[in-house]
PDB file of N, CA and C in Angstrom:
ATOM      1  N   MET A   1      -1.516   2.448  12.757  1.00  0.00           N
ATOM      2  CA  MET A   1      -1.456   1.015  12.563  1.00  0.00           C
ATOM      3  C   MET A   1      -2.640   0.294  13.207  1.00  0.00           C
ATOM      4  N   PRO A   2      -3.070   0.703  14.391  1.00  0.00           N
ATOM      5  CA  PRO A   2      -4.244   0.035  14.964  1.00  0.00           C
ATOM      6  C   PRO A   2      -5.497   0.231  14.116  1.00  0.00           C
ATOM      7  N   GLY A   3      -5.567   1.339  13.394  1.00  0.00           N
ATOM      8  CA  GLY A   3      -6.732   1.596  12.550  1.00  0.00           C
ATOM      9  C   GLY A   3      -6.882   0.567  11.449  1.00  0.00           C
ATOM     10  N   ALA A   4      -5.784   0.195  10.823  1.00  0.00           N
ATOM     11  CA  ALA A   4      -5.832  -0.815   9.761  1.00  0.00           C
ATOM     12  C   ALA A   4      -6.331  -2.144  10.314  1.00  0.00           C
ATOM     13  N   LYS A   5      -5.870  -2.501  11.495  1.00  0.00           N
ATOM     14  CA  LYS A   5      -6.312  -3.758  12.109  1.00  0.00           C
ATOM     15  C   LYS A   5      -7.801  -3.709  12.435  1.00  0.00           C
ATOM     16  N   ALA A   6      -8.270  -2.579  12.942  1.00  0.00           N
ATOM     17  CA  ALA A   6      -9.688  -2.442  13.277  1.00  0.00           C
ATOM     18  C   ALA A   6     -10.560  -2.526  12.023  1.00  0.00           C
ATOM     19  N   ILE A   7     -10.124  -1.891  10.944  1.00  0.00           N
ATOM     20  CA  ILE A   7     -10.870  -1.963   9.681  1.00  0.00           C
ATOM     21  C   ILE A   7     -10.878  -3.392   9.164  1.00  0.00           C
ATOM     22  N   ASP A   8      -9.743  -4.034   9.241  1.00  0.00           N
ATOM     23  CA  ASP A   8      -9.611  -5.432   8.807  1.00  0.00           C
ATOM     24  C   ASP A   8     -10.601  -6.326   9.556  1.00  0.00           C
ATOM     25  N   GLU A   9     -10.664  -6.160  10.862  1.00  0.00           N
ATOM     26  CA  GLU A   9     -11.572  -6.981  11.679  1.00  0.00           C
ATOM     27  C   GLU A   9     -13.031  -6.684  11.354  1.00  0.00           C
ATOM     28  N   ALA A  10     -13.355  -5.419  11.123  1.00  0.00           N
ATOM     29  CA  ALA A  10     -14.737  -5.051  10.793  1.00  0.00           C
ATOM     30  C   ALA A  10     -15.141  -5.623   9.433  1.00  0.00           C
ATOM     31  N   ILE A  11     -14.256  -5.563   8.463  1.00  0.00           N
ATOM     32  CA  ILE A  11     -14.556  -6.128   7.143  1.00  0.00           C
ATOM     33  C   ILE A  11     -14.755  -7.636   7.256  1.00  0.00           C
ATOM     34  N   ALA A  12     -13.917  -8.290   8.033  1.00  0.00           N
ATOM     35  CA  ALA A  12     -14.052  -9.737   8.218  1.00  0.00           C
ATOM     36  C   ALA A  12     -15.396 -10.087   8.851  1.00  0.00           C
ATOM     37  N   ARG A  13     -15.811  -9.319   9.863  1.00  0.00           N
ATOM     38  CA  ARG A  13     -17.110  -9.578  10.503  1.00  0.00           C
ATOM     39  C   ARG A  13     -18.258  -9.405   9.516  1.00  0.00           C
ATOM     40  N   ARG A  14     -18.191  -8.365   8.706  1.00  0.00           N
ATOM     41  CA  ARG A  14     -19.289  -8.077   7.770  1.00  0.00           C
ATOM     42  C   ARG A  14     -19.345  -9.055   6.601  1.00  0.00           C
ATOM     43  N   THR A  15     -18.190  -9.500   6.126  1.00  0.00           N
ATOM     44  CA  THR A  15     -18.169 -10.347   4.936  1.00  0.00           C
ATOM     45  C   THR A  15     -18.072 -11.825   5.250  1.00  0.00           C
ATOM     46  N   GLY A  16     -17.581 -12.167   6.439  1.00  0.00           N
ATOM     47  CA  GLY A  16     -17.358 -13.569   6.774  1.00  0.00           C
ATOM     48  C   GLY A  16     -16.118 -14.143   6.101  1.00  0.00           C
ATOM     49  N   ILE A  17     -15.311 -13.286   5.515  1.00  0.00           N
ATOM     50  CA  ILE A  17     -14.094 -13.726   4.823  1.00  0.00           C
ATOM     51  C   ILE A  17     -12.896 -13.443   5.721  1.00  0.00           C
ATOM     52  N   ASP A  18     -12.106 -14.474   5.967  1.00  0.00           N
ATOM     53  CA  ASP A  18     -10.907 -14.291   6.776  1.00  0.00           C
ATOM     54  C   ASP A  18      -9.881 -13.467   6.000  1.00  0.00           C
ATOM     55  N   PRO A  19      -9.278 -12.491   6.645  1.00  0.00           N
ATOM     56  CA  PRO A  19      -8.296 -11.646   5.954  1.00  0.00           C
ATOM     57  C   PRO A  19      -6.982 -12.385   5.730  1.00  0.00           C
ATOM     58  N   VAL A  20      -6.261 -11.922   4.741  1.00  0.00           N
ATOM     59  CA  VAL A  20      -4.893 -12.374   4.521  1.00  0.00           C
ATOM     60  C   VAL A  20      -3.997 -11.269   5.053  1.00  0.00           C
ATOM     61  N   VAL A  21      -3.245 -11.569   6.070  1.00  0.00           N
ATOM     62  CA  VAL A  21      -2.360 -10.583   6.681  1.00  0.00           C
ATOM     63  C   VAL A  21      -0.955 -10.826   6.172  1.00  0.00           C
ATOM     64  N   ILE A  22      -0.356  -9.774   5.647  1.00  0.00           N
ATOM     65  CA  ILE A  22       1.007  -9.875   5.113  1.00  0.00           C
ATOM     66  C   ILE A  22       1.892  -8.929   5.900  1.00  0.00           C
ATOM     67  N   GLY A  23       2.965  -9.453   6.438  1.00  0.00           N
ATOM     68  CA  GLY A  23       3.916  -8.638   7.176  1.00  0.00           C
ATOM     69  C   GLY A  23       3.454  -8.342   8.592  1.00  0.00           C
ATOM     70  N   THR A  24       4.283  -7.622   9.272  1.00  0.00           N
ATOM     71  CA  THR A  24       4.031  -7.214  10.640  1.00  0.00           C
ATOM     72  C   THR A  24       4.257  -5.708  10.732  1.00  0.00           C
ATOM     73  N   PRO A  25       3.296  -4.957  11.254  1.00  0.00           N
ATOM     74  CA  PRO A  25       3.513  -3.514  11.365  1.00  0.00           C
ATOM     75  C   PRO A  25       4.754  -3.213  12.196  1.00  0.00           C
ATOM     76  N   GLU A  26       5.573  -2.327  11.670  1.00  0.00           N
ATOM     77  CA  GLU A  26       6.790  -1.918  12.353  1.00  0.00           C
ATOM     78  C   GLU A  26       6.911  -0.412  12.289  1.00  0.00           C
ATOM     79  N   PRO A  27       7.576   0.186  13.247  1.00  0.00           N
ATOM     80  CA  PRO A  27       7.755   1.637  13.197  1.00  0.00           C
ATOM     81  C   PRO A  27       8.639   2.035  12.020  1.00  0.00           C
ATOM     82  N   SER A  28       8.463   3.259  11.572  1.00  0.00           N
ATOM     83  CA  SER A  28       9.283   3.791  10.490  1.00  0.00           C
ATOM     84  C   SER A  28      10.744   3.798  10.908  1.00  0.00           C
ATOM     85  N   LEU A  29      11.613   3.529   9.957  1.00  0.00           N
ATOM     86  CA  LEU A  29      13.048   3.537  10.253  1.00  0.00           C
ATOM     87  C   LEU A  29      13.596   4.951  10.395  1.00  0.00           C
ATOM     88  N   ASN A  30      12.925   5.908   9.733  1.00  0.00           N
ATOM     89  CA  ASN A  30      13.386   7.303   9.733  1.00  0.00           C
ATOM     90  C   ASN A  30      14.831   7.436   9.279  1.00  0.00           C
ATOM     91  N   THR A  31      15.172   6.651   8.248  1.00  0.00           N
ATOM     92  CA  THR A  31      16.540   6.683   7.727  1.00  0.00           C
ATOM     93  C   THR A  31      16.599   7.214   6.307  1.00  0.00           C
ATOM     94  N   GLY A  32      15.475   7.519   5.725  1.00  0.00           N
ATOM     95  CA  GLY A  32      15.441   7.981   4.338  1.00  0.00           C
ATOM     96  C   GLY A  32      14.713   6.976   3.468  1.00  0.00           C
ATOM     97  N   TRP A  33      14.128   7.477   2.389  1.00  0.00           N
ATOM     98  CA  TRP A  33      13.248   6.650   1.566  1.00  0.00           C
ATOM     99  C   TRP A  33      13.950   5.453   0.955  1.00  0.00           C
ATOM    100  N   ARG A  34      15.190   5.575   0.525  1.00  0.00           N
ATOM    101  CA  ARG A  34      15.890   4.449  -0.117  1.00  0.00           C
ATOM    102  C   ARG A  34      16.064   3.290   0.861  1.00  0.00           C
ATOM    103  N   GLU A  35      16.503   3.581   2.071  1.00  0.00           N
ATOM    104  CA  GLU A  35      16.700   2.535   3.074  1.00  0.00           C
ATOM    105  C   GLU A  35      15.366   1.922   3.486  1.00  0.00           C
ATOM    106  N   GLU A  36      14.341   2.778   3.625  1.00  0.00           N
ATOM    107  CA  GLU A  36      13.016   2.268   3.987  1.00  0.00           C
ATOM    108  C   GLU A  36      12.460   1.376   2.880  1.00  0.00           C
ATOM    109  N   LEU A  37      12.656   1.769   1.623  1.00  0.00           N
ATOM    110  CA  LEU A  37      12.185   0.954   0.500  1.00  0.00           C
ATOM    111  C   LEU A  37      12.907  -0.388   0.477  1.00  0.00           C
ATOM    112  N   ASP A  38      14.213  -0.377   0.654  1.00  0.00           N
ATOM    113  CA  ASP A  38      14.970  -1.629   0.677  1.00  0.00           C
ATOM    114  C   ASP A  38      14.469  -2.557   1.781  1.00  0.00           C
ATOM    115  N   ALA A  39      14.197  -2.002   2.963  1.00  0.00           N
ATOM    116  CA  ALA A  39      13.710  -2.812   4.085  1.00  0.00           C
ATOM    117  C   ALA A  39      12.297  -3.327   3.829  1.00  0.00           C
ATOM    118  N   ALA A  40      11.486  -2.548   3.132  1.00  0.00           N
ATOM    119  CA  ALA A  40      10.085  -2.919   2.893  1.00  0.00           C
ATOM    120  C   ALA A  40       9.900  -3.858   1.710  1.00  0.00           C
ATOM    121  N   LEU A  41      10.889  -3.968   0.827  1.00  0.00           N
ATOM    122  CA  LEU A  41      10.721  -4.741  -0.408  1.00  0.00           C
ATOM    123  C   LEU A  41      10.219  -6.165  -0.228  1.00  0.00           C
ATOM    124  N   PRO A  42      10.714  -6.944   0.712  1.00  0.00           N
ATOM    125  CA  PRO A  42      10.187  -8.308   0.843  1.00  0.00           C
ATOM    126  C   PRO A  42       8.675  -8.340   1.086  1.00  0.00           C
ATOM    127  N   ALA A  43       8.187  -7.517   1.997  1.00  0.00           N
ATOM    128  CA  ALA A  43       6.748  -7.489   2.267  1.00  0.00           C
ATOM    129  C   ALA A  43       5.988  -6.897   1.088  1.00  0.00           C
ATOM    130  N   LEU A  44       6.534  -5.870   0.444  1.00  0.00           N
ATOM    131  CA  LEU A  44       5.867  -5.275  -0.715  1.00  0.00           C
ATOM    132  C   LEU A  44       5.721  -6.295  -1.850  1.00  0.00           C
ATOM    133  N   LYS A  45       6.723  -7.109  -2.052  1.00  0.00           N
ATOM    134  CA  LYS A  45       6.639  -8.153  -3.084  1.00  0.00           C
ATOM    135  C   LYS A  45       5.567  -9.183  -2.728  1.00  0.00           C
ATOM    136  N   GLN A  46       5.415  -9.495  -1.446  1.00  0.00           N
ATOM    137  CA  GLN A  46       4.363 -10.416  -1.013  1.00  0.00           C
ATOM    138  C   GLN A  46       2.987  -9.818  -1.260  1.00  0.00           C
ATOM    139  N   VAL A  47       2.830  -8.538  -0.970  1.00  0.00           N
ATOM    140  CA  VAL A  47       1.551  -7.862  -1.199  1.00  0.00           C
ATOM    141  C   VAL A  47       1.230  -7.849  -2.686  1.00  0.00           C
ATOM    142  N   GLN A  48       2.206  -7.495  -3.510  1.00  0.00           N
ATOM    143  CA  GLN A  48       1.963  -7.452  -4.944  1.00  0.00           C
ATOM    144  C   GLN A  48       1.594  -8.833  -5.474  1.00  0.00           C
ATOM    145  N   ALA A  49       2.269  -9.868  -5.010  1.00  0.00           N
ATOM    146  CA  ALA A  49       1.945 -11.233  -5.448  1.00  0.00           C
ATOM    147  C   ALA A  49       0.519 -11.602  -5.060  1.00  0.00           C
ATOM    148  N   ARG A  50       0.104 -11.224  -3.865  1.00  0.00           N
ATOM    149  CA  ARG A  50      -1.269 -11.514  -3.426  1.00  0.00           C
ATOM    150  C   ARG A  50      -2.286 -10.777  -4.297  1.00  0.00           C
ATOM    151  N   PHE A  51      -2.034  -9.508  -4.573  1.00  0.00           N
ATOM    152  CA  PHE A  51      -2.934  -8.750  -5.438  1.00  0.00           C
ATOM    153  C   PHE A  51      -2.983  -9.353  -6.841  1.00  0.00           C
ATOM    154  N   GLU A  52      -1.861  -9.808  -7.340  1.00  0.00           N
ATOM    155  CA  GLU A  52      -1.829 -10.443  -8.659  1.00  0.00           C
ATOM    156  C   GLU A  52      -2.745 -11.668  -8.685  1.00  0.00           C
ATOM    157  N   VAL A  53      -2.658 -12.514  -7.665  1.00  0.00           N
ATOM    158  CA  VAL A  53      -3.479 -13.719  -7.590  1.00  0.00           C
ATOM    159  C   VAL A  53      -4.960 -13.360  -7.510  1.00  0.00           C
ATOM    160  N   VAL A  54      -5.295 -12.441  -6.625  1.00  0.00           N
ATOM    161  CA  VAL A  54      -6.698 -12.063  -6.420  1.00  0.00           C
ATOM    162  C   VAL A  54      -7.274 -11.434  -7.684  1.00  0.00           C
ATOM    163  N   LEU A  55      -6.571 -10.462  -8.255  1.00  0.00           N
ATOM    164  CA  LEU A  55      -7.101  -9.754  -9.413  1.00  0.00           C
ATOM    165  C   LEU A  55      -7.114 -10.630 -10.667  1.00  0.00           C
ATOM    166  N   ALA A  56      -6.125 -11.497 -10.817  1.00  0.00           N
ATOM    167  CA  ALA A  56      -6.105 -12.407 -11.969  1.00  0.00           C
ATOM    168  C   ALA A  56      -7.269 -13.387 -11.929  1.00  0.00           C
ATOM    169  N   SER A  57      -7.760 -13.686 -10.720  1.00  0.00           N
ATOM    170  CA  SER A  57      -8.887 -14.610 -10.595  1.00  0.00           C
ATOM    171  C   SER A  57     -10.225 -13.936 -10.890  1.00  0.00           C
ATOM    172  N   GLY A  58     -10.193 -12.616 -11.050  1.00  0.00           N
ATOM    173  CA  GLY A  58     -11.433 -11.881 -11.286  1.00  0.00           C
ATOM    174  C   GLY A  58     -12.103 -11.400 -10.014  1.00  0.00           C
ATOM    175  N   ALA A  59     -11.502 -11.686  -8.884  1.00  0.00           N
ATOM    176  CA  ALA A  59     -12.068 -11.265  -7.599  1.00  0.00           C
ATOM    177  C   ALA A  59     -11.730  -9.805  -7.324  1.00  0.00           C
ATOM    178  N   VAL A  60     -12.313  -9.279  -6.282  1.00  0.00           N
ATOM    179  CA  VAL A  60     -12.074  -7.915  -5.845  1.00  0.00           C
ATOM    180  C   VAL A  60     -11.295  -7.974  -4.536  1.00  0.00           C
ATOM    181  N   SER A  61     -10.406  -7.034  -4.349  1.00  0.00           N
ATOM    182  CA  SER A  61      -9.628  -6.992  -3.114  1.00  0.00           C
ATOM    183  C   SER A  61      -9.912  -5.699  -2.372  1.00  0.00           C
ATOM    184  N   ILE A  62      -9.948  -5.810  -1.069  1.00  0.00           N
ATOM    185  CA  ILE A  62     -10.026  -4.643  -0.193  1.00  0.00           C
ATOM    186  C   ILE A  62      -8.768  -4.687   0.659  1.00  0.00           C
ATOM    187  N   ALA A  63      -8.040  -3.598   0.686  1.00  0.00           N
ATOM    188  CA  ALA A  63      -6.805  -3.562   1.470  1.00  0.00           C
ATOM    189  C   ALA A  63      -6.944  -2.547   2.596  1.00  0.00           C
ATOM    190  N   ALA A  64      -6.732  -2.990   3.804  1.00  0.00           N
ATOM    191  CA  ALA A  64      -6.639  -2.108   4.960  1.00  0.00           C
ATOM    192  C   ALA A  64      -5.177  -2.125   5.359  1.00  0.00           C
ATOM    193  N   THR A  65      -4.481  -1.060   5.034  1.00  0.00           N
ATOM    194  CA  THR A  65      -3.031  -1.053   5.220  1.00  0.00           C
ATOM    195  C   THR A  65      -2.613  -0.121   6.342  1.00  0.00           C
ATOM    196  N   SER A  66      -1.460  -0.409   6.894  1.00  0.00           N
ATOM    197  CA  SER A  66      -0.953   0.406   7.988  1.00  0.00           C
ATOM    198  C   SER A  66       0.085   1.416   7.520  1.00  0.00           C
ATOM    199  N   ARG A  67       0.457   1.361   6.271  1.00  0.00           N
ATOM    200  CA  ARG A  67       1.468   2.263   5.718  1.00  0.00           C
ATOM    201  C   ARG A  67       1.074   2.694   4.308  1.00  0.00           C
ATOM    202  N   CYS A  68       1.265   3.963   4.008  1.00  0.00           N
ATOM    203  CA  CYS A  68       0.975   4.481   2.669  1.00  0.00           C
ATOM    204  C   CYS A  68       1.842   3.798   1.618  1.00  0.00           C
ATOM    205  N   ALA A  69       3.046   3.434   1.992  1.00  0.00           N
ATOM    206  CA  ALA A  69       3.974   2.838   1.031  1.00  0.00           C
ATOM    207  C   ALA A  69       3.494   1.491   0.497  1.00  0.00           C
ATOM    208  N   VAL A  70       2.521   0.879   1.140  1.00  0.00           N
ATOM    209  CA  VAL A  70       1.982  -0.385   0.632  1.00  0.00           C
ATOM    210  C   VAL A  70       1.386  -0.183  -0.758  1.00  0.00           C
ATOM    211  N   SER A  71       0.954   1.042  -1.047  1.00  0.00           N
ATOM    212  CA  SER A  71       0.408   1.321  -2.382  1.00  0.00           C
ATOM    213  C   SER A  71       1.443   1.061  -3.469  1.00  0.00           C
ATOM    214  N   LEU A  72       2.715   1.133  -3.126  1.00  0.00           N
ATOM    215  CA  LEU A  72       3.757   0.837  -4.108  1.00  0.00           C
ATOM    216  C   LEU A  72       3.621  -0.578  -4.651  1.00  0.00           C
ATOM    217  N   ALA A  73       3.002  -1.452  -3.888  1.00  0.00           N
ATOM    218  CA  ALA A  73       2.788  -2.828  -4.326  1.00  0.00           C
ATOM    219  C   ALA A  73       1.404  -3.041  -4.918  1.00  0.00           C
ATOM    220  N   THR A  74       0.404  -2.343  -4.411  1.00  0.00           N
ATOM    221  CA  THR A  74      -0.966  -2.595  -4.865  1.00  0.00           C
ATOM    222  C   THR A  74      -1.296  -1.906  -6.178  1.00  0.00           C
ATOM    223  N   LEU A  75      -0.859  -0.683  -6.349  1.00  0.00           N
ATOM    224  CA  LEU A  75      -1.250   0.089  -7.531  1.00  0.00           C
ATOM    225  C   LEU A  75      -0.778  -0.513  -8.851  1.00  0.00           C
ATOM    226  N   PRO A  76       0.441  -1.029  -8.962  1.00  0.00           N
ATOM    227  CA  PRO A  76       0.825  -1.649 -10.237  1.00  0.00           C
ATOM    228  C   PRO A  76      -0.043  -2.864 -10.599  1.00  0.00           C
ATOM    229  N   ALA A  77      -0.417  -3.650  -9.612  1.00  0.00           N
ATOM    230  CA  ALA A  77      -1.273  -4.814  -9.886  1.00  0.00           C
ATOM    231  C   ALA A  77      -2.661  -4.368 -10.326  1.00  0.00           C
ATOM    232  N   VAL A  78      -3.194  -3.348  -9.679  1.00  0.00           N
ATOM    233  CA  VAL A  78      -4.505  -2.825 -10.075  1.00  0.00           C
ATOM    234  C   VAL A  78      -4.427  -2.271 -11.495  1.00  0.00           C
ATOM    235  N   ALA A  79      -3.402  -1.495 -11.794  1.00  0.00           N
ATOM    236  CA  ALA A  79      -3.257  -0.914 -13.129  1.00  0.00           C
ATOM    237  C   ALA A  79      -3.118  -1.991 -14.203  1.00  0.00           C
ATOM    238  N   LYS A  80      -2.440  -3.068 -13.893  1.00  0.00           N
ATOM    239  CA  LYS A  80      -2.255  -4.167 -14.849  1.00  0.00           C
ATOM    240  C   LYS A  80      -3.578  -4.846 -15.167  1.00  0.00           C
ATOM    241  N   HIS A  81      -4.363  -5.123 -14.151  1.00  0.00           N
ATOM    242  CA  HIS A  81      -5.602  -5.886 -14.346  1.00  0.00           C
ATOM    243  C   HIS A  81      -6.819  -5.012 -14.623  1.00  0.00           C
ATOM    244  N   HIS A  82      -6.743  -3.745 -14.236  1.00  0.00           N
ATOM    245  CA  HIS A  82      -7.870  -2.819 -14.427  1.00  0.00           C
ATOM    246  C   HIS A  82      -7.329  -1.459 -14.866  1.00  0.00           C
ATOM    247  N   PRO A  83      -6.845  -1.342 -16.095  1.00  0.00           N
ATOM    248  CA  PRO A  83      -6.203  -0.095 -16.526  1.00  0.00           C
ATOM    249  C   PRO A  83      -7.103   1.136 -16.473  1.00  0.00           C
ATOM    250  N   ALA A  84      -8.400   0.962 -16.473  1.00  0.00           N
ATOM    251  CA  ALA A  84      -9.311   2.105 -16.406  1.00  0.00           C
ATOM    252  C   ALA A  84      -9.727   2.431 -14.969  1.00  0.00           C
ATOM    253  N   ALA A  85      -9.123   1.779 -14.004  1.00  0.00           N
ATOM    254  CA  ALA A  85      -9.497   1.995 -12.597  1.00  0.00           C
ATOM    255  C   ALA A  85      -9.252   3.444 -12.189  1.00  0.00           C
ATOM    256  N   CYS A  86     -10.085   3.910 -11.310  1.00  0.00           N
ATOM    257  CA  CYS A  86      -9.945   5.241 -10.714  1.00  0.00           C
ATOM    258  C   CYS A  86      -9.534   5.031  -9.260  1.00  0.00           C
ATOM    259  N   ILE A  87      -8.448   5.641  -8.866  1.00  0.00           N
ATOM    260  CA  ILE A  87      -7.958   5.493  -7.501  1.00  0.00           C
ATOM    261  C   ILE A  87      -8.458   6.671  -6.660  1.00  0.00           C
ATOM    262  N   VAL A  88      -9.051   6.371  -5.534  1.00  0.00           N
ATOM    263  CA  VAL A  88      -9.472   7.392  -4.582  1.00  0.00           C
ATOM    264  C   VAL A  88      -8.551   7.253  -3.377  1.00  0.00           C
ATOM    265  N   TRP A  89      -7.819   8.311  -3.080  1.00  0.00           N
ATOM    266  CA  TRP A  89      -6.778   8.269  -2.047  1.00  0.00           C
ATOM    267  C   TRP A  89      -7.265   9.001  -0.808  1.00  0.00           C
ATOM    268  N   PHE A  90      -7.510   8.270   0.274  1.00  0.00           N
ATOM    269  CA  PHE A  90      -7.921   8.866   1.538  1.00  0.00           C
ATOM    270  C   PHE A  90      -6.713   8.893   2.466  1.00  0.00           C
ATOM    271  N   ASP A  91      -6.279  10.053   2.829  1.00  0.00           N
ATOM    272  CA  ASP A  91      -5.128  10.183   3.705  1.00  0.00           C
ATOM    273  C   ASP A  91      -5.132  11.589   4.290  1.00  0.00           C
ATOM    274  N   SER A  92      -4.365  11.786   5.328  1.00  0.00           N
ATOM    275  CA  SER A  92      -4.289  13.110   5.937  1.00  0.00           C
ATOM    276  C   SER A  92      -3.323  14.025   5.195  1.00  0.00           C
ATOM    277  N   HIS A  93      -2.558  13.449   4.275  1.00  0.00           N
ATOM    278  CA  HIS A  93      -1.659  14.238   3.423  1.00  0.00           C
ATOM    279  C   HIS A  93      -1.601  13.564   2.065  1.00  0.00           C
ATOM    280  N   ALA A  94      -1.086  14.250   1.078  1.00  0.00           N
ATOM    281  CA  ALA A  94      -1.202  13.783  -0.310  1.00  0.00           C
ATOM    282  C   ALA A  94      -0.219  12.688  -0.697  1.00  0.00           C
ATOM    283  N   ASP A  95       0.870  12.514   0.001  1.00  0.00           N
ATOM    284  CA  ASP A  95       1.904  11.536  -0.363  1.00  0.00           C
ATOM    285  C   ASP A  95       2.454  11.816  -1.757  1.00  0.00           C
ATOM    286  N   LEU A  96       2.564  13.094  -2.100  1.00  0.00           N
ATOM    287  CA  LEU A  96       2.996  13.486  -3.440  1.00  0.00           C
ATOM    288  C   LEU A  96       4.396  14.074  -3.490  1.00  0.00           C
ATOM    289  N   ASN A  97       5.198  13.871  -2.462  1.00  0.00           N
ATOM    290  CA  ASN A  97       6.580  14.324  -2.529  1.00  0.00           C
ATOM    291  C   ASN A  97       7.351  13.450  -3.508  1.00  0.00           C
ATOM    292  N   THR A  98       8.394  14.015  -4.071  1.00  0.00           N
ATOM    293  CA  THR A  98       9.323  13.243  -4.898  1.00  0.00           C
ATOM    294  C   THR A  98      10.656  13.213  -4.163  1.00  0.00           C
ATOM    295  N   PRO A  99      11.551  12.302  -4.513  1.00  0.00           N
ATOM    296  CA  PRO A  99      12.847  12.266  -3.828  1.00  0.00           C
ATOM    297  C   PRO A  99      13.597  13.602  -3.882  1.00  0.00           C
ATOM    298  N   ASP A 100      13.379  14.379  -4.942  1.00  0.00           N
ATOM    299  CA  ASP A 100      14.080  15.659  -5.070  1.00  0.00           C
ATOM    300  C   ASP A 100      13.550  16.748  -4.152  1.00  0.00           C
ATOM    301  N   VAL A 101      12.287  16.653  -3.730  1.00  0.00           N
ATOM    302  CA  VAL A 101      11.701  17.745  -2.946  1.00  0.00           C
ATOM    303  C   VAL A 101      11.313  17.356  -1.523  1.00  0.00           C
ATOM    304  N   THR A 102      11.410  16.082  -1.169  1.00  0.00           N
ATOM    305  CA  THR A 102      11.004  15.678   0.175  1.00  0.00           C
ATOM    306  C   THR A 102      11.887  16.323   1.233  1.00  0.00           C
ATOM    307  N   ALA A 103      11.247  16.867   2.245  1.00  0.00           N
ATOM    308  CA  ALA A 103      12.000  17.477   3.346  1.00  0.00           C
ATOM    309  C   ALA A 103      12.454  16.433   4.354  1.00  0.00           C
ATOM    310  N   THR A 104      11.707  15.320   4.441  1.00  0.00           N
ATOM    311  CA  THR A 104      11.993  14.316   5.477  1.00  0.00           C
ATOM    312  C   THR A 104      12.622  13.042   4.927  1.00  0.00           C
ATOM    313  N   GLY A 105      12.380  12.746   3.657  1.00  0.00           N
ATOM    314  CA  GLY A 105      12.858  11.489   3.098  1.00  0.00           C
ATOM    315  C   GLY A 105      11.978  10.307   3.442  1.00  0.00           C
ATOM    316  N   TYR A 106      10.851  10.562   4.099  1.00  0.00           N
ATOM    317  CA  TYR A 106       9.946   9.490   4.529  1.00  0.00           C
ATOM    318  C   TYR A 106       9.304   8.820   3.311  1.00  0.00           C
ATOM    319  N   LEU A 107       9.448   7.521   3.189  1.00  0.00           N
ATOM    320  CA  LEU A 107       8.941   6.766   2.050  1.00  0.00           C
ATOM    321  C   LEU A 107       7.440   6.939   1.865  1.00  0.00           C
ATOM    322  N   GLY A 108       6.680   6.931   2.945  1.00  0.00           N
ATOM    323  CA  GLY A 108       5.237   7.084   2.844  1.00  0.00           C
ATOM    324  C   GLY A 108       4.823   8.410   2.232  1.00  0.00           C
ATOM    325  N   GLY A 109       5.646   9.425   2.371  1.00  0.00           N
ATOM    326  CA  GLY A 109       5.348  10.722   1.785  1.00  0.00           C
ATOM    327  C   GLY A 109       5.567  10.780   0.292  1.00  0.00           C
ATOM    328  N   LEU A 110       6.159   9.717  -0.265  1.00  0.00           N
ATOM    329  CA  LEU A 110       6.420   9.639  -1.694  1.00  0.00           C
ATOM    330  C   LEU A 110       5.495   8.641  -2.389  1.00  0.00           C
ATOM    331  N   ALA A 111       4.654   7.975  -1.647  1.00  0.00           N
ATOM    332  CA  ALA A 111       3.947   6.784  -2.123  1.00  0.00           C
ATOM    333  C   ALA A 111       3.037   7.005  -3.318  1.00  0.00           C
ATOM    334  N   PHE A 112       2.467   8.165  -3.484  1.00  0.00           N
ATOM    335  CA  PHE A 112       1.521   8.378  -4.577  1.00  0.00           C
ATOM    336  C   PHE A 112       2.111   9.219  -5.713  1.00  0.00           C
ATOM    337  N   ALA A 113       3.288   9.778  -5.517  1.00  0.00           N
ATOM    338  CA  ALA A 113       3.886  10.639  -6.530  1.00  0.00           C
ATOM    339  C   ALA A 113       4.205   9.886  -7.823  1.00  0.00           C
ATOM    340  N   ALA A 114       4.869   8.771  -7.747  1.00  0.00           N
ATOM    341  CA  ALA A 114       5.218   8.026  -8.964  1.00  0.00           C
ATOM    342  C   ALA A 114       3.986   7.498  -9.691  1.00  0.00           C
ATOM    343  N   PRO A 115       3.036   6.862  -9.006  1.00  0.00           N
ATOM    344  CA  PRO A 115       1.834   6.415  -9.720  1.00  0.00           C
ATOM    345  C   PRO A 115       1.041   7.573 -10.345  1.00  0.00           C
ATOM    346  N   ALA A 116       1.193   8.773  -9.782  1.00  0.00           N
ATOM    347  CA  ALA A 116       0.500   9.943 -10.334  1.00  0.00           C
ATOM    348  C   ALA A 116       1.302  10.579 -11.469  1.00  0.00           C
ATOM    349  N   GLY A 117       2.423   9.962 -11.814  1.00  0.00           N
ATOM    350  CA  GLY A 117       3.225  10.452 -12.934  1.00  0.00           C
ATOM    351  C   GLY A 117       4.241  11.520 -12.590  1.00  0.00           C
ATOM    352  N   MET A 118       4.513  11.662 -11.310  1.00  0.00           N
ATOM    353  CA  MET A 118       5.454  12.704 -10.879  1.00  0.00           C
ATOM    354  C   MET A 118       6.868  12.159 -10.768  1.00  0.00           C
TER     355      MET A 118
END
């Protein structure tokens, strides 16, 4: 989580653009993906709405996120406005688990599976 904040601050210094911060970083609930998704939905809807506004205006967005699950909100907006976009996923793990195969139930571990068609 501190990494996202540091990247956010560095981007702001370089671009002179004040960041839009949505939500407050919180520790994982460790209760399973369904409960984590339900708890995250309000912030995810805010992120998706922000991406919709930015992308609909023709602008470009840079997201420094503290959770992989934030992609659940960003990727649909990107796909809607830029269907030919190529997503480059930088992470220490693939986030390609599905609810049927996840060993932990951690929502972040499922974040890229659905957008990848799994």
